[in-house]
N, C-alpha and C. Protein backbone atom coordinates (compact mmCIF):
# COMPACT_ATOMS: atom_id res chain seq x y z
N MET A 1 22.68 6.84 -23.64
CA MET A 1 21.49 6.04 -23.78
C MET A 1 20.51 6.37 -22.65
N LYS A 2 19.30 6.75 -23.03
CA LYS A 2 18.28 7.07 -22.04
C LYS A 2 17.61 5.78 -21.60
N GLU A 3 17.73 5.49 -20.34
CA GLU A 3 17.18 4.25 -19.82
C GLU A 3 16.06 4.55 -18.84
N ILE A 4 15.00 3.77 -18.90
CA ILE A 4 13.91 3.92 -17.95
C ILE A 4 14.29 3.13 -16.70
N LYS A 5 14.38 3.84 -15.57
CA LYS A 5 14.78 3.20 -14.32
C LYS A 5 13.71 3.35 -13.25
N LYS A 6 13.16 4.56 -13.13
CA LYS A 6 12.24 4.90 -12.05
C LYS A 6 10.81 4.94 -12.60
N ILE A 7 9.94 4.10 -12.04
CA ILE A 7 8.56 4.00 -12.53
C ILE A 7 7.58 4.29 -11.40
N LEU A 8 6.62 5.15 -11.69
CA LEU A 8 5.55 5.48 -10.76
C LEU A 8 4.29 4.73 -11.19
N VAL A 9 3.69 4.00 -10.26
CA VAL A 9 2.45 3.27 -10.51
C VAL A 9 1.31 4.03 -9.83
N VAL A 10 0.28 4.41 -10.60
CA VAL A 10 -0.86 5.12 -10.03
C VAL A 10 -2.13 4.34 -10.39
N ASP A 11 -2.72 3.71 -9.37
CA ASP A 11 -3.92 2.91 -9.58
C ASP A 11 -4.67 2.88 -8.25
N ASP A 12 -5.99 3.03 -8.28
CA ASP A 12 -6.75 3.05 -7.03
C ASP A 12 -7.01 1.66 -6.46
N ASP A 13 -6.51 0.62 -7.12
CA ASP A 13 -6.64 -0.75 -6.63
C ASP A 13 -5.31 -1.18 -6.00
N PRO A 14 -5.24 -1.23 -4.66
CA PRO A 14 -3.99 -1.57 -3.99
C PRO A 14 -3.42 -2.93 -4.43
N GLY A 15 -4.28 -3.89 -4.73
CA GLY A 15 -3.82 -5.20 -5.20
C GLY A 15 -3.10 -5.09 -6.54
N GLN A 16 -3.66 -4.31 -7.44
CA GLN A 16 -3.04 -4.08 -8.75
C GLN A 16 -1.69 -3.38 -8.58
N VAL A 17 -1.64 -2.40 -7.69
CA VAL A 17 -0.40 -1.67 -7.42
C VAL A 17 0.69 -2.63 -6.95
N LYS A 18 0.33 -3.50 -5.98
CA LYS A 18 1.30 -4.47 -5.45
C LYS A 18 1.83 -5.40 -6.54
N LEU A 19 0.91 -5.92 -7.37
CA LEU A 19 1.31 -6.81 -8.46
C LEU A 19 2.26 -6.12 -9.42
N LEU A 20 1.92 -4.89 -9.81
CA LEU A 20 2.77 -4.14 -10.73
C LEU A 20 4.13 -3.85 -10.12
N GLN A 21 4.14 -3.40 -8.87
CA GLN A 21 5.42 -3.10 -8.21
C GLN A 21 6.30 -4.34 -8.10
N LYS A 22 5.69 -5.48 -7.78
CA LYS A 22 6.46 -6.72 -7.65
C LYS A 22 7.07 -7.09 -9.01
N GLY A 23 6.27 -7.09 -10.05
CA GLY A 23 6.76 -7.45 -11.38
C GLY A 23 7.83 -6.49 -11.89
N LEU A 24 7.63 -5.21 -11.65
CA LEU A 24 8.60 -4.21 -12.11
C LEU A 24 9.90 -4.30 -11.31
N SER A 25 9.79 -4.52 -10.00
CA SER A 25 10.99 -4.66 -9.16
C SER A 25 11.81 -5.87 -9.59
N GLU A 26 11.10 -6.99 -9.85
CA GLU A 26 11.78 -8.20 -10.30
C GLU A 26 12.48 -7.99 -11.64
N ALA A 27 11.96 -7.06 -12.44
CA ALA A 27 12.58 -6.76 -13.74
C ALA A 27 13.69 -5.71 -13.61
N GLY A 28 13.94 -5.26 -12.37
CA GLY A 28 15.06 -4.35 -12.13
C GLY A 28 14.71 -2.87 -12.09
N TYR A 29 13.42 -2.55 -12.05
CA TYR A 29 13.02 -1.14 -11.99
C TYR A 29 12.82 -0.69 -10.55
N GLU A 30 13.12 0.58 -10.32
CA GLU A 30 12.83 1.21 -9.03
C GLU A 30 11.39 1.71 -9.13
N THR A 31 10.56 1.41 -8.13
CA THR A 31 9.16 1.82 -8.22
C THR A 31 8.73 2.67 -7.04
N MET A 32 7.73 3.48 -7.29
CA MET A 32 7.01 4.18 -6.24
C MET A 32 5.54 4.10 -6.64
N ALA A 33 4.65 4.30 -5.71
CA ALA A 33 3.24 4.09 -6.04
C ALA A 33 2.32 5.03 -5.28
N ALA A 34 1.15 5.21 -5.88
CA ALA A 34 0.08 5.99 -5.24
C ALA A 34 -1.24 5.33 -5.60
N THR A 35 -2.17 5.31 -4.63
CA THR A 35 -3.49 4.76 -4.90
C THR A 35 -4.51 5.88 -5.12
N GLU A 36 -4.06 7.13 -5.07
CA GLU A 36 -4.91 8.26 -5.40
C GLU A 36 -4.18 9.13 -6.41
N ALA A 37 -4.93 9.63 -7.38
CA ALA A 37 -4.33 10.43 -8.45
C ALA A 37 -3.62 11.66 -7.91
N SER A 38 -4.21 12.32 -6.91
CA SER A 38 -3.58 13.54 -6.38
C SER A 38 -2.21 13.22 -5.78
N ASP A 39 -2.11 12.08 -5.07
CA ASP A 39 -0.81 11.67 -4.52
C ASP A 39 0.16 11.34 -5.65
N GLY A 40 -0.35 10.69 -6.69
CA GLY A 40 0.48 10.36 -7.85
C GLY A 40 1.02 11.61 -8.53
N LEU A 41 0.17 12.62 -8.67
CA LEU A 41 0.62 13.89 -9.28
C LEU A 41 1.73 14.51 -8.45
N GLN A 42 1.56 14.49 -7.12
CA GLN A 42 2.58 15.06 -6.23
C GLN A 42 3.91 14.30 -6.37
N LEU A 43 3.84 12.97 -6.40
CA LEU A 43 5.05 12.16 -6.56
C LEU A 43 5.72 12.46 -7.91
N ALA A 44 4.92 12.60 -8.95
CA ALA A 44 5.47 12.88 -10.28
C ALA A 44 6.16 14.24 -10.31
N MET A 45 5.58 15.22 -9.63
CA MET A 45 6.18 16.57 -9.59
C MET A 45 7.46 16.57 -8.75
N ASP A 46 7.44 15.85 -7.63
CA ASP A 46 8.57 15.86 -6.70
C ASP A 46 9.74 14.99 -7.16
N HIS A 47 9.44 13.87 -7.82
CA HIS A 47 10.49 12.88 -8.12
C HIS A 47 10.76 12.65 -9.60
N THR A 48 9.96 13.23 -10.49
CA THR A 48 10.10 13.10 -11.94
C THR A 48 10.53 11.70 -12.37
N PRO A 49 9.61 10.73 -12.30
CA PRO A 49 9.95 9.37 -12.74
C PRO A 49 10.19 9.33 -14.25
N ASP A 50 10.78 8.25 -14.72
CA ASP A 50 11.01 8.09 -16.16
C ASP A 50 9.73 7.66 -16.87
N LEU A 51 8.85 6.99 -16.10
CA LEU A 51 7.63 6.45 -16.70
C LEU A 51 6.55 6.35 -15.63
N ILE A 52 5.30 6.56 -16.04
CA ILE A 52 4.16 6.42 -15.13
C ILE A 52 3.23 5.36 -15.71
N ILE A 53 2.86 4.39 -14.89
CA ILE A 53 1.83 3.41 -15.27
C ILE A 53 0.56 3.90 -14.59
N LEU A 54 -0.45 4.17 -15.39
CA LEU A 54 -1.60 4.93 -14.93
C LEU A 54 -2.92 4.24 -15.23
N ASP A 55 -3.73 4.08 -14.20
CA ASP A 55 -5.09 3.58 -14.38
C ASP A 55 -5.95 4.73 -14.90
N VAL A 56 -6.98 4.42 -15.67
CA VAL A 56 -7.87 5.47 -16.18
C VAL A 56 -9.01 5.75 -15.20
N MET A 57 -9.65 4.68 -14.73
CA MET A 57 -10.84 4.84 -13.88
C MET A 57 -10.45 5.01 -12.42
N MET A 58 -10.31 6.28 -12.01
CA MET A 58 -9.99 6.59 -10.62
C MET A 58 -10.92 7.69 -10.14
N PRO A 59 -11.23 7.71 -8.83
CA PRO A 59 -12.08 8.78 -8.32
C PRO A 59 -11.36 10.14 -8.35
N VAL A 60 -12.09 11.20 -8.37
CA VAL A 60 -11.65 12.60 -8.36
C VAL A 60 -10.93 12.98 -9.66
N ILE A 61 -9.71 12.52 -9.86
CA ILE A 61 -8.96 12.85 -11.10
C ILE A 61 -8.81 11.54 -11.88
N ASN A 62 -9.41 11.46 -13.06
CA ASN A 62 -9.25 10.22 -13.82
C ASN A 62 -7.90 10.23 -14.56
N GLY A 63 -7.55 9.09 -15.11
CA GLY A 63 -6.26 8.95 -15.78
C GLY A 63 -6.07 9.89 -16.96
N PHE A 64 -7.16 10.18 -17.69
CA PHE A 64 -7.05 11.08 -18.83
C PHE A 64 -6.63 12.48 -18.37
N ASN A 65 -7.29 12.98 -17.31
CA ASN A 65 -6.95 14.31 -16.79
C ASN A 65 -5.56 14.32 -16.16
N PHE A 66 -5.21 13.25 -15.47
CA PHE A 66 -3.87 13.12 -14.89
C PHE A 66 -2.82 13.26 -15.98
N CYS A 67 -3.02 12.53 -17.07
CA CYS A 67 -2.08 12.55 -18.20
C CYS A 67 -1.96 13.97 -18.76
N ARG A 68 -3.10 14.62 -18.96
CA ARG A 68 -3.10 15.98 -19.51
C ARG A 68 -2.34 16.94 -18.59
N LEU A 69 -2.56 16.80 -17.28
CA LEU A 69 -1.87 17.67 -16.32
C LEU A 69 -0.36 17.48 -16.37
N ILE A 70 0.09 16.22 -16.40
CA ILE A 70 1.54 15.93 -16.44
C ILE A 70 2.15 16.48 -17.73
N LYS A 71 1.48 16.24 -18.84
CA LYS A 71 2.03 16.65 -20.14
C LYS A 71 2.01 18.17 -20.32
N SER A 72 1.26 18.89 -19.48
CA SER A 72 1.23 20.35 -19.57
C SER A 72 2.33 21.00 -18.75
N GLU A 73 3.03 20.21 -17.93
CA GLU A 73 4.12 20.73 -17.10
C GLU A 73 5.45 20.60 -17.84
N GLU A 74 6.14 21.71 -18.03
CA GLU A 74 7.39 21.71 -18.80
C GLU A 74 8.40 20.69 -18.27
N ALA A 75 8.58 20.63 -16.96
CA ALA A 75 9.60 19.74 -16.37
C ALA A 75 9.18 18.27 -16.39
N GLN A 76 7.90 18.00 -16.60
CA GLN A 76 7.43 16.62 -16.55
C GLN A 76 6.91 16.10 -17.90
N LYS A 77 6.81 16.94 -18.90
CA LYS A 77 6.13 16.51 -20.14
C LYS A 77 6.87 15.40 -20.87
N HIS A 78 8.15 15.20 -20.57
CA HIS A 78 8.93 14.12 -21.21
C HIS A 78 8.66 12.75 -20.59
N ILE A 79 7.99 12.72 -19.43
CA ILE A 79 7.74 11.45 -18.74
C ILE A 79 6.81 10.58 -19.60
N HIS A 80 7.23 9.35 -19.82
CA HIS A 80 6.37 8.42 -20.56
C HIS A 80 5.19 8.01 -19.70
N ILE A 81 4.03 7.89 -20.33
CA ILE A 81 2.84 7.43 -19.61
C ILE A 81 2.25 6.23 -20.34
N VAL A 82 2.08 5.15 -19.58
CA VAL A 82 1.43 3.95 -20.10
C VAL A 82 0.11 3.82 -19.35
N MET A 83 -1.00 3.98 -20.07
CA MET A 83 -2.31 3.81 -19.44
C MET A 83 -2.65 2.33 -19.42
N VAL A 84 -3.12 1.88 -18.26
CA VAL A 84 -3.52 0.49 -18.08
C VAL A 84 -4.96 0.53 -17.55
N THR A 85 -5.88 0.00 -18.33
CA THR A 85 -7.28 0.16 -17.99
C THR A 85 -8.15 -0.97 -18.53
N SER A 86 -9.32 -1.11 -17.94
CA SER A 86 -10.27 -2.09 -18.47
C SER A 86 -11.11 -1.45 -19.59
N ARG A 87 -10.97 -0.14 -19.76
CA ARG A 87 -11.71 0.55 -20.82
C ARG A 87 -10.98 0.35 -22.14
N ASP A 88 -11.57 -0.47 -22.99
CA ASP A 88 -10.85 -0.85 -24.20
C ASP A 88 -11.54 -0.42 -25.51
N ASN A 89 -12.55 0.46 -25.41
CA ASN A 89 -13.16 0.85 -26.68
C ASN A 89 -12.31 1.89 -27.39
N LEU A 90 -12.47 1.99 -28.68
CA LEU A 90 -11.61 2.86 -29.50
C LEU A 90 -11.68 4.32 -29.08
N GLU A 91 -12.84 4.76 -28.63
CA GLU A 91 -12.99 6.16 -28.20
C GLU A 91 -12.09 6.45 -27.00
N ASP A 92 -12.01 5.51 -26.05
CA ASP A 92 -11.14 5.70 -24.89
C ASP A 92 -9.67 5.71 -25.30
N VAL A 93 -9.29 4.83 -26.19
CA VAL A 93 -7.91 4.80 -26.67
C VAL A 93 -7.58 6.13 -27.35
N LYS A 94 -8.50 6.62 -28.16
CA LYS A 94 -8.31 7.90 -28.86
C LYS A 94 -8.14 9.05 -27.86
N ILE A 95 -9.00 9.09 -26.83
CA ILE A 95 -8.89 10.14 -25.81
C ILE A 95 -7.53 10.05 -25.12
N GLY A 96 -7.13 8.83 -24.76
CA GLY A 96 -5.83 8.64 -24.11
C GLY A 96 -4.69 9.17 -24.96
N MET A 97 -4.72 8.87 -26.24
CA MET A 97 -3.66 9.35 -27.15
C MET A 97 -3.70 10.88 -27.27
N GLU A 98 -4.90 11.45 -27.33
CA GLU A 98 -5.02 12.91 -27.41
C GLU A 98 -4.49 13.59 -26.15
N MET A 99 -4.61 12.93 -25.01
CA MET A 99 -4.13 13.50 -23.75
C MET A 99 -2.62 13.35 -23.59
N GLY A 100 -2.01 12.54 -24.45
CA GLY A 100 -0.56 12.45 -24.44
C GLY A 100 0.03 11.14 -23.95
N THR A 101 -0.80 10.10 -23.78
CA THR A 101 -0.24 8.83 -23.33
C THR A 101 0.68 8.25 -24.42
N ASP A 102 1.68 7.51 -24.00
CA ASP A 102 2.61 6.90 -24.94
C ASP A 102 2.18 5.49 -25.34
N ALA A 103 1.39 4.85 -24.48
CA ALA A 103 0.91 3.50 -24.77
C ALA A 103 -0.38 3.28 -23.99
N TYR A 104 -1.22 2.38 -24.50
CA TYR A 104 -2.53 2.12 -23.91
C TYR A 104 -2.70 0.61 -23.84
N LEU A 105 -2.64 0.04 -22.65
CA LEU A 105 -2.77 -1.40 -22.46
C LEU A 105 -4.05 -1.69 -21.68
N THR A 106 -4.66 -2.84 -21.96
CA THR A 106 -5.90 -3.16 -21.28
C THR A 106 -5.71 -4.24 -20.21
N LYS A 107 -6.57 -4.17 -19.19
CA LYS A 107 -6.59 -5.16 -18.11
C LYS A 107 -7.45 -6.32 -18.56
N PRO A 108 -7.23 -7.54 -18.11
CA PRO A 108 -6.15 -7.90 -17.19
C PRO A 108 -4.79 -7.75 -17.87
N LEU A 109 -3.87 -7.18 -17.14
CA LEU A 109 -2.56 -6.83 -17.69
C LEU A 109 -1.63 -8.02 -17.74
N ASN A 110 -0.99 -8.16 -18.86
CA ASN A 110 0.04 -9.18 -19.04
C ASN A 110 1.39 -8.50 -18.74
N MET A 111 2.09 -8.95 -17.70
CA MET A 111 3.34 -8.31 -17.28
C MET A 111 4.37 -8.32 -18.40
N GLN A 112 4.44 -9.40 -19.18
CA GLN A 112 5.42 -9.46 -20.29
C GLN A 112 5.12 -8.38 -21.32
N GLU A 113 3.83 -8.17 -21.58
CA GLU A 113 3.44 -7.13 -22.55
C GLU A 113 3.82 -5.74 -22.02
N LEU A 114 3.63 -5.52 -20.72
CA LEU A 114 4.01 -4.25 -20.12
C LEU A 114 5.51 -4.04 -20.22
N LEU A 115 6.30 -5.04 -19.87
CA LEU A 115 7.77 -4.92 -19.92
C LEU A 115 8.24 -4.68 -21.36
N LYS A 116 7.60 -5.34 -22.32
CA LYS A 116 7.94 -5.14 -23.73
C LYS A 116 7.63 -3.70 -24.15
N THR A 117 6.50 -3.17 -23.68
CA THR A 117 6.11 -1.80 -23.98
C THR A 117 7.14 -0.81 -23.41
N ILE A 118 7.59 -1.05 -22.18
CA ILE A 118 8.59 -0.18 -21.55
C ILE A 118 9.89 -0.20 -22.38
N LYS A 119 10.32 -1.38 -22.80
CA LYS A 119 11.54 -1.50 -23.62
C LYS A 119 11.37 -0.75 -24.94
N LEU A 120 10.18 -0.84 -25.55
CA LEU A 120 9.92 -0.12 -26.81
C LEU A 120 10.03 1.39 -26.62
N LEU A 121 9.54 1.90 -25.48
CA LEU A 121 9.65 3.33 -25.20
C LEU A 121 11.11 3.74 -25.00
N GLU A 122 11.91 2.89 -24.36
CA GLU A 122 13.34 3.16 -24.22
C GLU A 122 14.00 3.22 -25.59
N THR A 123 13.67 2.26 -26.45
CA THR A 123 14.23 2.20 -27.80
C THR A 123 13.86 3.45 -28.59
N LYS A 124 12.60 3.87 -28.44
CA LYS A 124 12.12 5.08 -29.12
C LYS A 124 12.92 6.30 -28.68
N ASP A 125 13.17 6.41 -27.37
CA ASP A 125 13.97 7.53 -26.83
C ASP A 125 15.36 7.53 -27.44
N ASN A 126 15.96 6.35 -27.51
CA ASN A 126 17.33 6.25 -27.98
C ASN A 126 17.45 6.51 -29.48
N ALA A 127 16.34 6.36 -30.21
CA ALA A 127 16.36 6.60 -31.65
C ALA A 127 16.23 8.09 -31.96
N GLU A 128 15.73 8.86 -30.98
CA GLU A 128 15.51 10.30 -31.22
C GLU A 128 16.75 11.11 -31.02
């Protein structure tokens, strides 16, 4: 059974990062975090998390490009990506899906919805 254990949080808002890490830790996940996309990419390459929670609106490298970069790497393309953003129009959701995100959630984030999404991705893995 493939279980999601290690989660990387990448968001340029330190408060959002803290909230996500606290909620994920309380749910039993091991977390690491970055407030810059470049640091997040390095962590993803070095530690290969099971899942990345990714903000879209970040300086320098936005979440869409981050997702595309991860999914283009052979060793990392299996990592699940959940985009969490305030951008909720259909065009943004479509771009996110085209870049390879596994789920697209909007802010303000409901922690229960995020945890349910993570469980659904685990279930999907186990069905394959």
